[in-house]
Amino acid sequence: MVSYNLILNKQVRKKDLPRVPTKTRQRVVDMIEKLQVNPRPPGVEKLTNREEYKLRSGNYRILYVVDDPKRTVEIRAIRHRGEAYKR
């Protein structure tokens, strides 16, 4: 099975992930790890007018970009649902 490389940008590692409550954090990390095998799992949605996809994990959203030719998944943000789309 071909897998994708995960790229977590600096903001995700230093700010976004530590802000996720401890009870929810492991579920979010598990979902991110599963993106290596299937970058477009059931329930994922492509955002309108953006190149990003969103994956829901409770009240948190994982925003990421898939680059199929390079076989990479770049995690760009992990945010609470009320803040996820404000940029």
N, C-alpha and C. Protein backbone atom coordinates (compact mmCIF):
# COMPACT_ATOMS: atom_id res chain seq x y z
N MET A 1 0.84 -1.18 0.00
CA MET A 1 0.00 0.00 0.00
C MET A 1 0.89 1.25 0.00
N VAL A 2 0.61 2.15 -0.90
CA VAL A 2 1.40 3.37 -1.03
C VAL A 2 0.94 4.37 0.02
N SER A 3 1.90 4.99 0.70
CA SER A 3 1.51 5.96 1.73
C SER A 3 2.01 7.35 1.36
N TYR A 4 1.41 8.32 1.97
CA TYR A 4 1.75 9.72 1.78
C TYR A 4 2.62 10.17 2.95
N ASN A 5 3.48 11.14 2.70
CA ASN A 5 4.28 11.74 3.76
C ASN A 5 3.48 12.86 4.41
N LEU A 6 3.53 12.93 5.72
CA LEU A 6 2.84 13.99 6.46
C LEU A 6 3.78 15.16 6.69
N ILE A 7 3.27 16.35 6.49
CA ILE A 7 4.01 17.57 6.79
C ILE A 7 3.15 18.40 7.72
N LEU A 8 3.63 18.64 8.91
CA LEU A 8 2.94 19.51 9.86
C LEU A 8 3.71 20.82 9.91
N ASN A 9 3.07 21.91 9.52
CA ASN A 9 3.79 23.17 9.53
C ASN A 9 4.07 23.61 10.97
N LYS A 10 4.92 24.59 11.12
CA LYS A 10 5.38 25.02 12.44
C LYS A 10 4.23 25.47 13.34
N GLN A 11 3.27 26.18 12.79
CA GLN A 11 2.14 26.67 13.58
C GLN A 11 1.33 25.51 14.14
N VAL A 12 1.13 24.48 13.36
CA VAL A 12 0.37 23.31 13.83
C VAL A 12 1.11 22.65 14.99
N ARG A 13 2.41 22.46 14.85
CA ARG A 13 3.18 21.79 15.91
C ARG A 13 3.28 22.63 17.17
N LYS A 14 3.52 23.93 17.03
CA LYS A 14 3.80 24.78 18.18
C LYS A 14 2.56 25.39 18.84
N LYS A 15 1.52 25.67 18.04
CA LYS A 15 0.37 26.38 18.59
C LYS A 15 -0.93 25.59 18.52
N ASP A 16 -1.28 25.11 17.32
CA ASP A 16 -2.61 24.51 17.14
C ASP A 16 -2.80 23.23 17.94
N LEU A 17 -1.89 22.28 17.79
CA LEU A 17 -2.05 21.00 18.47
C LEU A 17 -2.00 21.12 19.99
N PRO A 18 -1.09 21.90 20.57
CA PRO A 18 -1.11 22.05 22.03
C PRO A 18 -2.38 22.70 22.57
N ARG A 19 -3.08 23.48 21.76
CA ARG A 19 -4.32 24.12 22.21
C ARG A 19 -5.51 23.18 22.24
N VAL A 20 -5.42 22.05 21.56
CA VAL A 20 -6.52 21.08 21.55
C VAL A 20 -6.57 20.42 22.93
N PRO A 21 -7.75 20.33 23.54
CA PRO A 21 -7.86 19.70 24.86
C PRO A 21 -7.29 18.28 24.86
N THR A 22 -6.70 17.89 25.97
CA THR A 22 -6.04 16.59 26.08
C THR A 22 -6.96 15.44 25.70
N LYS A 23 -8.22 15.49 26.10
CA LYS A 23 -9.16 14.40 25.79
C LYS A 23 -9.36 14.24 24.30
N THR A 24 -9.31 15.31 23.56
CA THR A 24 -9.57 15.30 22.12
C THR A 24 -8.30 15.12 21.31
N ARG A 25 -7.16 15.50 21.86
CA ARG A 25 -5.90 15.54 21.11
C ARG A 25 -5.53 14.19 20.51
N GLN A 26 -5.66 13.11 21.26
CA GLN A 26 -5.27 11.80 20.73
C GLN A 26 -6.14 11.40 19.54
N ARG A 27 -7.42 11.72 19.59
CA ARG A 27 -8.31 11.42 18.46
C ARG A 27 -7.89 12.21 17.22
N VAL A 28 -7.51 13.47 17.41
CA VAL A 28 -7.06 14.31 16.29
C VAL A 28 -5.77 13.74 15.71
N VAL A 29 -4.83 13.36 16.56
CA VAL A 29 -3.55 12.80 16.09
C VAL A 29 -3.79 11.50 15.33
N ASP A 30 -4.69 10.66 15.82
CA ASP A 30 -5.00 9.40 15.13
C ASP A 30 -5.58 9.67 13.74
N MET A 31 -6.45 10.67 13.64
CA MET A 31 -7.04 11.00 12.34
C MET A 31 -5.97 11.51 11.37
N ILE A 32 -5.05 12.31 11.88
CA ILE A 32 -3.97 12.83 11.04
C ILE A 32 -3.09 11.68 10.54
N GLU A 33 -2.76 10.75 11.42
CA GLU A 33 -1.93 9.62 11.01
C GLU A 33 -2.62 8.76 9.95
N LYS A 34 -3.92 8.63 10.02
CA LYS A 34 -4.65 7.84 9.02
C LYS A 34 -4.63 8.49 7.65
N LEU A 35 -4.37 9.80 7.59
CA LEU A 35 -4.30 10.48 6.30
C LEU A 35 -3.12 10.00 5.47
N GLN A 36 -2.12 9.38 6.11
CA GLN A 36 -0.98 8.85 5.37
C GLN A 36 -1.42 7.73 4.43
N VAL A 37 -2.39 6.95 4.85
CA VAL A 37 -2.86 5.83 4.04
C VAL A 37 -3.95 6.26 3.07
N ASN A 38 -4.89 7.07 3.55
CA ASN A 38 -6.00 7.53 2.73
C ASN A 38 -6.20 9.03 2.96
N PRO A 39 -5.66 9.87 2.08
CA PRO A 39 -5.77 11.32 2.30
C PRO A 39 -7.16 11.90 2.07
N ARG A 40 -8.06 11.09 1.53
CA ARG A 40 -9.44 11.55 1.33
C ARG A 40 -10.41 10.51 1.90
N PRO A 41 -10.43 10.37 3.23
CA PRO A 41 -11.30 9.36 3.84
C PRO A 41 -12.77 9.77 3.75
N PRO A 42 -13.69 8.85 4.04
CA PRO A 42 -15.11 9.20 4.06
C PRO A 42 -15.36 10.34 5.05
N GLY A 43 -16.16 11.29 4.65
CA GLY A 43 -16.49 12.42 5.51
C GLY A 43 -15.64 13.65 5.26
N VAL A 44 -14.58 13.54 4.47
CA VAL A 44 -13.74 14.70 4.18
C VAL A 44 -14.43 15.56 3.14
N GLU A 45 -14.23 16.87 3.24
CA GLU A 45 -14.84 17.79 2.27
C GLU A 45 -13.80 18.74 1.72
N LYS A 46 -13.89 19.03 0.44
CA LYS A 46 -13.03 20.04 -0.18
C LYS A 46 -13.66 21.39 0.07
N LEU A 47 -12.86 22.34 0.51
CA LEU A 47 -13.38 23.68 0.78
C LEU A 47 -13.59 24.44 -0.52
N THR A 48 -14.65 25.19 -0.58
CA THR A 48 -14.97 25.99 -1.75
C THR A 48 -13.98 27.14 -1.88
N ASN A 49 -13.51 27.38 -3.09
CA ASN A 49 -12.59 28.47 -3.40
C ASN A 49 -11.25 28.36 -2.67
N ARG A 50 -10.89 27.18 -2.24
CA ARG A 50 -9.60 26.93 -1.59
C ARG A 50 -9.07 25.59 -2.07
N GLU A 51 -7.79 25.39 -1.91
CA GLU A 51 -7.20 24.11 -2.29
C GLU A 51 -7.22 23.13 -1.12
N GLU A 52 -7.74 23.54 0.02
CA GLU A 52 -7.70 22.74 1.23
C GLU A 52 -8.89 21.79 1.36
N TYR A 53 -8.66 20.76 2.14
CA TYR A 53 -9.70 19.83 2.56
C TYR A 53 -9.92 20.03 4.05
N LYS A 54 -11.11 19.64 4.53
CA LYS A 54 -11.35 19.70 5.97
C LYS A 54 -11.81 18.34 6.44
N LEU A 55 -11.35 18.00 7.63
CA LEU A 55 -11.73 16.76 8.27
C LEU A 55 -12.23 17.11 9.66
N ARG A 56 -13.40 16.62 10.01
CA ARG A 56 -14.01 16.95 11.30
C ARG A 56 -13.60 15.94 12.36
N SER A 57 -13.27 16.47 13.52
CA SER A 57 -12.99 15.63 14.69
C SER A 57 -13.64 16.30 15.88
N GLY A 58 -14.89 15.95 16.16
CA GLY A 58 -15.63 16.60 17.24
C GLY A 58 -15.82 18.07 16.92
N ASN A 59 -15.40 18.94 17.82
CA ASN A 59 -15.52 20.39 17.61
C ASN A 59 -14.30 20.98 16.91
N TYR A 60 -13.38 20.15 16.49
CA TYR A 60 -12.17 20.63 15.83
C TYR A 60 -12.15 20.25 14.36
N ARG A 61 -11.47 21.09 13.58
CA ARG A 61 -11.34 20.87 12.15
C ARG A 61 -9.87 20.78 11.80
N ILE A 62 -9.52 19.79 10.99
CA ILE A 62 -8.17 19.62 10.49
C ILE A 62 -8.20 20.10 9.05
N LEU A 63 -7.44 21.14 8.74
CA LEU A 63 -7.38 21.70 7.39
C LEU A 63 -6.06 21.28 6.77
N TYR A 64 -6.13 20.70 5.58
CA TYR A 64 -4.91 20.17 4.96
C TYR A 64 -4.99 20.21 3.45
N VAL A 65 -3.82 20.05 2.83
CA VAL A 65 -3.68 20.06 1.37
C VAL A 65 -3.03 18.75 0.96
N VAL A 66 -3.54 18.16 -0.12
CA VAL A 66 -2.98 16.92 -0.65
C VAL A 66 -2.25 17.23 -1.95
N ASP A 67 -1.01 16.76 -2.06
CA ASP A 67 -0.24 16.89 -3.29
C ASP A 67 0.02 15.46 -3.80
N ASP A 68 -0.83 15.00 -4.72
CA ASP A 68 -0.73 13.62 -5.20
C ASP A 68 0.57 13.31 -5.94
N PRO A 69 1.05 14.19 -6.83
CA PRO A 69 2.31 13.86 -7.51
C PRO A 69 3.50 13.70 -6.54
N LYS A 70 3.53 14.50 -5.49
CA LYS A 70 4.63 14.40 -4.51
C LYS A 70 4.32 13.43 -3.38
N ARG A 71 3.07 12.94 -3.34
CA ARG A 71 2.62 12.00 -2.30
C ARG A 71 2.78 12.60 -0.90
N THR A 72 2.31 13.85 -0.74
CA THR A 72 2.40 14.50 0.56
C THR A 72 1.02 15.00 1.01
N VAL A 73 0.85 15.07 2.31
CA VAL A 73 -0.31 15.67 2.94
C VAL A 73 0.23 16.71 3.90
N GLU A 74 -0.07 17.98 3.64
CA GLU A 74 0.40 19.07 4.50
C GLU A 74 -0.74 19.53 5.40
N ILE A 75 -0.55 19.36 6.69
CA ILE A 75 -1.53 19.82 7.67
C ILE A 75 -1.27 21.31 7.89
N ARG A 76 -2.24 22.13 7.55
CA ARG A 76 -2.06 23.58 7.64
C ARG A 76 -2.64 24.19 8.91
N ALA A 77 -3.67 23.58 9.47
CA ALA A 77 -4.27 24.14 10.68
C ALA A 77 -5.12 23.10 11.38
N ILE A 78 -5.19 23.22 12.70
CA ILE A 78 -6.13 22.46 13.53
C ILE A 78 -6.80 23.51 14.40
N ARG A 79 -8.08 23.72 14.16
CA ARG A 79 -8.78 24.81 14.85
C ARG A 79 -10.13 24.37 15.36
N HIS A 80 -10.61 25.10 16.35
CA HIS A 80 -11.98 24.90 16.83
C HIS A 80 -12.91 25.28 15.69
N ARG A 81 -14.05 24.65 15.61
CA ARG A 81 -14.94 24.85 14.46
C ARG A 81 -15.37 26.30 14.28
N GLY A 82 -15.43 27.09 15.35
CA GLY A 82 -15.82 28.48 15.22
C GLY A 82 -14.73 29.37 14.66
N GLU A 83 -13.49 28.90 14.69
CA GLU A 83 -12.36 29.70 14.21
C GLU A 83 -11.71 29.13 12.97
N ALA A 84 -12.14 27.97 12.53
CA ALA A 84 -11.44 27.24 11.49
C ALA A 84 -11.36 27.96 10.14
N TYR A 85 -12.38 28.72 9.78
CA TYR A 85 -12.43 29.28 8.44
C TYR A 85 -12.15 30.77 8.39
N LYS A 86 -11.77 31.36 9.52
CA LYS A 86 -11.43 32.79 9.56
C LYS A 86 -9.97 32.96 9.23
N ARG A 87 -9.70 33.52 8.08
CA ARG A 87 -8.31 33.79 7.67
C ARG A 87 -8.26 35.05 6.88
